[in-house]
Structures are given as C-alpha cells and as structure tokens.
Amino acid sequence: MTKSTKVDPIMPDDDTKITILAPSFTEAAIMFHKQNLSAKGYRLTSRIEAHRFFASEGSQLSELFDGKALYAVTFEHDSRLVAQTASN
C-alpha cells in the first residue's frame, strides 16, 4: 500500500464515515476491534469486500495501489451508540 500517516486513536466527528482498507478480509474485520470502534460510536455500514481502487483524472482513470485489490469496510459514527455504550 502507499505510505500514509498513522492515526491512533481514531477520534470521531458526529458525521464521520471511515473506510478501512486492508490486504485481507480478516485484517479488515479485526481492525474494528483493535481500534475499539464500537465504543467510539461506530457501526458497520458495508460488507467487507475486495475492491480495486481508481482515481479520476478528467476522462481517464488511474489505478491506485498498483491495481491490487484491497478489502474495504466502511463504518459510520452514530453518537447514540456512544451514549448506549457508556451506559452499559
């Protein structure tokens, strides 16, 4: 994958959606737990599936990540979950 900035811990905004990209299904699924996203108010909004990524450059597309498929999973922040988790 390309070089990126580490984000630890993930701090939500009320309208935040995050997508985690990982080289395997298992790693994508485990990241939800490793980042403790449930306690931070995130809920799953997509299935974990392999994707190929492209950048739009006018009428052309450029492959990202050398054309390699990565597993993507998207989570959405829901402030009601934070309150619910805090009360449990």
N, C-alpha and C. Protein backbone atom coordinates (compact mmCIF):
# COMPACT_ATOMS: atom_id res chain seq x y z
N MET A 1 0.84 -1.18 0.00
CA MET A 1 0.00 0.00 0.00
C MET A 1 0.88 1.24 0.00
N THR A 2 0.28 2.37 -0.25
CA THR A 2 1.03 3.61 -0.27
C THR A 2 1.34 4.07 1.14
N LYS A 3 2.35 4.93 1.25
CA LYS A 3 2.73 5.48 2.55
C LYS A 3 1.59 6.35 3.08
N SER A 4 1.31 6.24 4.35
CA SER A 4 0.23 7.03 4.95
C SER A 4 0.63 7.46 6.35
N THR A 5 -0.17 8.34 6.91
CA THR A 5 0.03 8.82 8.26
C THR A 5 -0.73 7.93 9.21
N LYS A 6 -0.11 7.49 10.29
CA LYS A 6 -0.80 6.68 11.30
C LYS A 6 -1.77 7.55 12.07
N VAL A 7 -2.95 6.99 12.29
CA VAL A 7 -3.98 7.68 13.07
C VAL A 7 -4.30 6.78 14.25
N ASP A 8 -3.95 7.24 15.44
CA ASP A 8 -4.22 6.43 16.61
C ASP A 8 -4.41 7.34 17.80
N PRO A 9 -5.49 7.35 18.42
CA PRO A 9 -6.70 6.60 18.10
C PRO A 9 -7.59 7.38 17.14
N ILE A 10 -8.53 6.68 16.53
CA ILE A 10 -9.50 7.33 15.65
C ILE A 10 -10.45 8.12 16.53
N MET A 11 -10.56 9.39 16.26
CA MET A 11 -11.45 10.26 17.03
C MET A 11 -12.58 10.73 16.12
N PRO A 12 -13.80 10.40 16.43
CA PRO A 12 -14.91 10.69 15.54
C PRO A 12 -15.43 12.12 15.62
N ASP A 13 -16.00 12.57 14.52
CA ASP A 13 -16.87 13.73 14.47
C ASP A 13 -18.27 13.13 14.33
N ASP A 14 -19.30 13.90 14.61
CA ASP A 14 -20.65 13.35 14.57
C ASP A 14 -21.05 12.77 13.22
N ASP A 15 -20.57 13.34 12.13
CA ASP A 15 -20.98 12.89 10.80
C ASP A 15 -19.93 12.04 10.10
N THR A 16 -18.96 11.57 10.82
CA THR A 16 -17.83 10.89 10.22
C THR A 16 -18.17 9.50 9.71
N LYS A 17 -17.71 9.23 8.50
CA LYS A 17 -17.67 7.86 7.97
C LYS A 17 -16.20 7.56 7.74
N ILE A 18 -15.80 6.36 8.09
CA ILE A 18 -14.42 5.96 7.83
C ILE A 18 -14.45 4.65 7.06
N THR A 19 -13.47 4.48 6.20
CA THR A 19 -13.30 3.23 5.48
C THR A 19 -11.90 2.72 5.76
N ILE A 20 -11.83 1.48 6.17
CA ILE A 20 -10.55 0.84 6.44
C ILE A 20 -10.23 -0.06 5.26
N LEU A 21 -9.01 0.07 4.74
CA LEU A 21 -8.52 -0.79 3.68
C LEU A 21 -7.48 -1.72 4.26
N ALA A 22 -7.56 -2.99 3.89
CA ALA A 22 -6.63 -3.98 4.43
C ALA A 22 -6.33 -5.03 3.37
N PRO A 23 -5.20 -5.70 3.48
CA PRO A 23 -4.84 -6.70 2.47
C PRO A 23 -5.64 -8.00 2.56
N SER A 24 -6.35 -8.21 3.68
CA SER A 24 -7.13 -9.45 3.82
C SER A 24 -8.46 -9.17 4.50
N PHE A 25 -9.41 -10.06 4.29
CA PHE A 25 -10.72 -9.95 4.95
C PHE A 25 -10.54 -9.93 6.46
N THR A 26 -9.74 -10.86 6.96
CA THR A 26 -9.53 -10.99 8.41
C THR A 26 -8.96 -9.72 9.02
N GLU A 27 -7.95 -9.15 8.37
CA GLU A 27 -7.35 -7.94 8.92
C GLU A 27 -8.34 -6.77 8.93
N ALA A 28 -9.16 -6.66 7.89
CA ALA A 28 -10.17 -5.60 7.85
C ALA A 28 -11.17 -5.77 8.99
N ALA A 29 -11.59 -7.00 9.24
CA ALA A 29 -12.56 -7.27 10.31
C ALA A 29 -11.95 -7.03 11.69
N ILE A 30 -10.73 -7.44 11.88
CA ILE A 30 -10.07 -7.30 13.18
C ILE A 30 -9.82 -5.84 13.53
N MET A 31 -9.62 -4.99 12.54
CA MET A 31 -9.34 -3.57 12.81
C MET A 31 -10.49 -2.90 13.56
N PHE A 32 -11.72 -3.32 13.33
CA PHE A 32 -12.86 -2.77 14.06
C PHE A 32 -12.64 -2.96 15.56
N HIS A 33 -12.19 -4.14 15.94
CA HIS A 33 -11.96 -4.45 17.35
C HIS A 33 -10.68 -3.81 17.88
N LYS A 34 -9.61 -3.85 17.08
CA LYS A 34 -8.34 -3.27 17.52
C LYS A 34 -8.47 -1.77 17.77
N GLN A 35 -9.26 -1.09 16.98
CA GLN A 35 -9.44 0.36 17.14
C GLN A 35 -10.56 0.69 18.12
N ASN A 36 -11.23 -0.35 18.67
CA ASN A 36 -12.32 -0.15 19.62
C ASN A 36 -13.40 0.79 19.07
N LEU A 37 -13.74 0.58 17.80
CA LEU A 37 -14.65 1.48 17.10
C LEU A 37 -16.07 1.44 17.67
N SER A 38 -16.50 0.32 18.18
CA SER A 38 -17.84 0.23 18.77
C SER A 38 -17.98 1.19 19.94
N ALA A 39 -17.00 1.20 20.81
CA ALA A 39 -17.04 2.09 21.98
C ALA A 39 -16.93 3.55 21.58
N LYS A 40 -16.38 3.81 20.39
CA LYS A 40 -16.26 5.18 19.90
C LYS A 40 -17.50 5.60 19.11
N GLY A 41 -18.49 4.70 19.03
CA GLY A 41 -19.76 5.05 18.40
C GLY A 41 -19.87 4.73 16.93
N TYR A 42 -19.02 3.85 16.42
CA TYR A 42 -19.09 3.49 15.01
C TYR A 42 -19.90 2.21 14.82
N ARG A 43 -20.61 2.17 13.69
CA ARG A 43 -21.34 0.95 13.32
C ARG A 43 -20.99 0.61 11.88
N LEU A 44 -21.05 -0.65 11.57
CA LEU A 44 -20.75 -1.16 10.24
C LEU A 44 -21.81 -0.68 9.25
N THR A 45 -21.40 -0.15 8.11
CA THR A 45 -22.37 0.27 7.09
C THR A 45 -22.16 -0.44 5.76
N SER A 46 -21.15 -1.30 5.68
CA SER A 46 -20.92 -2.01 4.43
C SER A 46 -20.39 -3.41 4.73
N ARG A 47 -20.53 -4.25 3.73
CA ARG A 47 -19.92 -5.58 3.84
C ARG A 47 -18.42 -5.45 3.61
N ILE A 48 -17.67 -6.38 4.13
CA ILE A 48 -16.23 -6.40 3.89
C ILE A 48 -16.03 -7.14 2.57
N GLU A 49 -15.57 -6.40 1.57
CA GLU A 49 -15.39 -6.98 0.24
C GLU A 49 -14.11 -6.46 -0.39
N ALA A 50 -13.59 -7.24 -1.34
CA ALA A 50 -12.40 -6.81 -2.08
C ALA A 50 -12.81 -5.76 -3.12
N HIS A 51 -12.00 -4.73 -3.22
CA HIS A 51 -12.22 -3.64 -4.17
C HIS A 51 -10.92 -3.34 -4.89
N ARG A 52 -11.04 -2.89 -6.14
CA ARG A 52 -9.91 -2.26 -6.82
C ARG A 52 -10.22 -0.78 -6.84
N PHE A 53 -9.21 0.05 -6.64
CA PHE A 53 -9.40 1.48 -6.50
C PHE A 53 -8.78 2.24 -7.66
N PHE A 54 -9.50 3.28 -8.09
CA PHE A 54 -9.06 4.12 -9.19
C PHE A 54 -9.25 5.58 -8.83
N ALA A 55 -8.39 6.43 -9.36
CA ALA A 55 -8.54 7.88 -9.21
C ALA A 55 -9.01 8.44 -10.54
N SER A 56 -9.94 9.36 -10.48
CA SER A 56 -10.45 10.01 -11.67
C SER A 56 -9.55 11.16 -12.03
N GLU A 57 -9.12 11.18 -13.26
CA GLU A 57 -8.27 12.26 -13.77
C GLU A 57 -8.88 12.76 -15.06
N GLY A 58 -9.92 13.61 -14.92
CA GLY A 58 -10.65 14.06 -16.10
C GLY A 58 -11.44 12.91 -16.68
N SER A 59 -11.15 12.53 -17.91
CA SER A 59 -11.86 11.41 -18.53
C SER A 59 -11.08 10.11 -18.41
N GLN A 60 -9.96 10.13 -17.71
CA GLN A 60 -9.11 8.96 -17.54
C GLN A 60 -9.18 8.44 -16.11
N LEU A 61 -8.85 7.16 -15.95
CA LEU A 61 -8.74 6.56 -14.62
C LEU A 61 -7.31 6.09 -14.42
N SER A 62 -6.83 6.26 -13.21
CA SER A 62 -5.51 5.74 -12.84
C SER A 62 -5.70 4.73 -11.72
N GLU A 63 -5.05 3.58 -11.85
CA GLU A 63 -5.14 2.57 -10.81
C GLU A 63 -4.41 3.04 -9.56
N LEU A 64 -5.01 2.78 -8.42
CA LEU A 64 -4.36 3.05 -7.14
C LEU A 64 -3.87 1.73 -6.55
N PHE A 65 -2.88 1.80 -5.69
CA PHE A 65 -2.33 0.63 -5.01
C PHE A 65 -1.83 -0.42 -6.01
N ASP A 66 -1.26 0.06 -7.11
CA ASP A 66 -0.71 -0.80 -8.17
C ASP A 66 -1.74 -1.78 -8.71
N GLY A 67 -3.01 -1.42 -8.68
CA GLY A 67 -4.07 -2.27 -9.21
C GLY A 67 -4.44 -3.44 -8.31
N LYS A 68 -3.81 -3.53 -7.16
CA LYS A 68 -4.07 -4.64 -6.24
C LYS A 68 -5.41 -4.44 -5.53
N ALA A 69 -6.19 -5.49 -5.45
CA ALA A 69 -7.46 -5.44 -4.73
C ALA A 69 -7.19 -5.43 -3.23
N LEU A 70 -7.90 -4.57 -2.53
CA LEU A 70 -7.83 -4.49 -1.08
C LEU A 70 -9.22 -4.69 -0.51
N TYR A 71 -9.28 -5.18 0.70
CA TYR A 71 -10.57 -5.35 1.36
C TYR A 71 -10.94 -4.04 2.03
N ALA A 72 -12.17 -3.61 1.78
CA ALA A 72 -12.65 -2.34 2.33
C ALA A 72 -13.86 -2.59 3.20
N VAL A 73 -13.92 -1.87 4.31
CA VAL A 73 -15.07 -1.92 5.20
C VAL A 73 -15.32 -0.50 5.70
N THR A 74 -16.58 -0.06 5.62
CA THR A 74 -16.93 1.30 5.99
C THR A 74 -17.76 1.30 7.26
N PHE A 75 -17.44 2.27 8.13
CA PHE A 75 -18.14 2.46 9.39
C PHE A 75 -18.65 3.89 9.44
N GLU A 76 -19.78 4.08 10.09
CA GLU A 76 -20.35 5.41 10.25
C GLU A 76 -20.48 5.70 11.74
N HIS A 77 -20.16 6.94 12.11
CA HIS A 77 -20.27 7.33 13.50
C HIS A 77 -21.72 7.62 13.85
N ASP A 78 -22.17 7.10 14.97
CA ASP A 78 -23.54 7.31 15.46
C ASP A 78 -23.43 7.67 16.93
N SER A 79 -23.65 8.94 17.26
CA SER A 79 -23.46 9.42 18.63
C SER A 79 -24.37 8.68 19.62
N ARG A 80 -25.48 8.13 19.15
CA ARG A 80 -26.36 7.36 20.05
C ARG A 80 -25.66 6.11 20.56
N LEU A 81 -24.78 5.54 19.74
CA LEU A 81 -24.05 4.35 20.18
C LEU A 81 -23.07 4.67 21.30
N VAL A 82 -22.47 5.85 21.26
CA VAL A 82 -21.54 6.25 22.31
C VAL A 82 -22.29 6.32 23.64
N ALA A 83 -23.46 6.96 23.64
CA ALA A 83 -24.24 7.07 24.87
C ALA A 83 -24.68 5.70 25.36
N GLN A 84 -25.08 4.82 24.44
CA GLN A 84 -25.53 3.50 24.79
C GLN A 84 -24.39 2.68 25.38
N THR A 85 -23.21 2.74 24.76
CA THR A 85 -22.05 2.00 25.24
C THR A 85 -21.60 2.50 26.61
N ALA A 86 -21.67 3.82 26.82
CA ALA A 86 -21.27 4.41 28.09
C ALA A 86 -22.19 3.99 29.22
N SER A 87 -23.45 3.75 28.92
CA SER A 87 -24.40 3.37 29.97
C SER A 87 -24.38 1.88 30.28
N ASN A 88 -23.75 1.08 29.43
CA ASN A 88 -23.69 -0.38 29.66
C ASN A 88 -22.56 -0.76 30.56
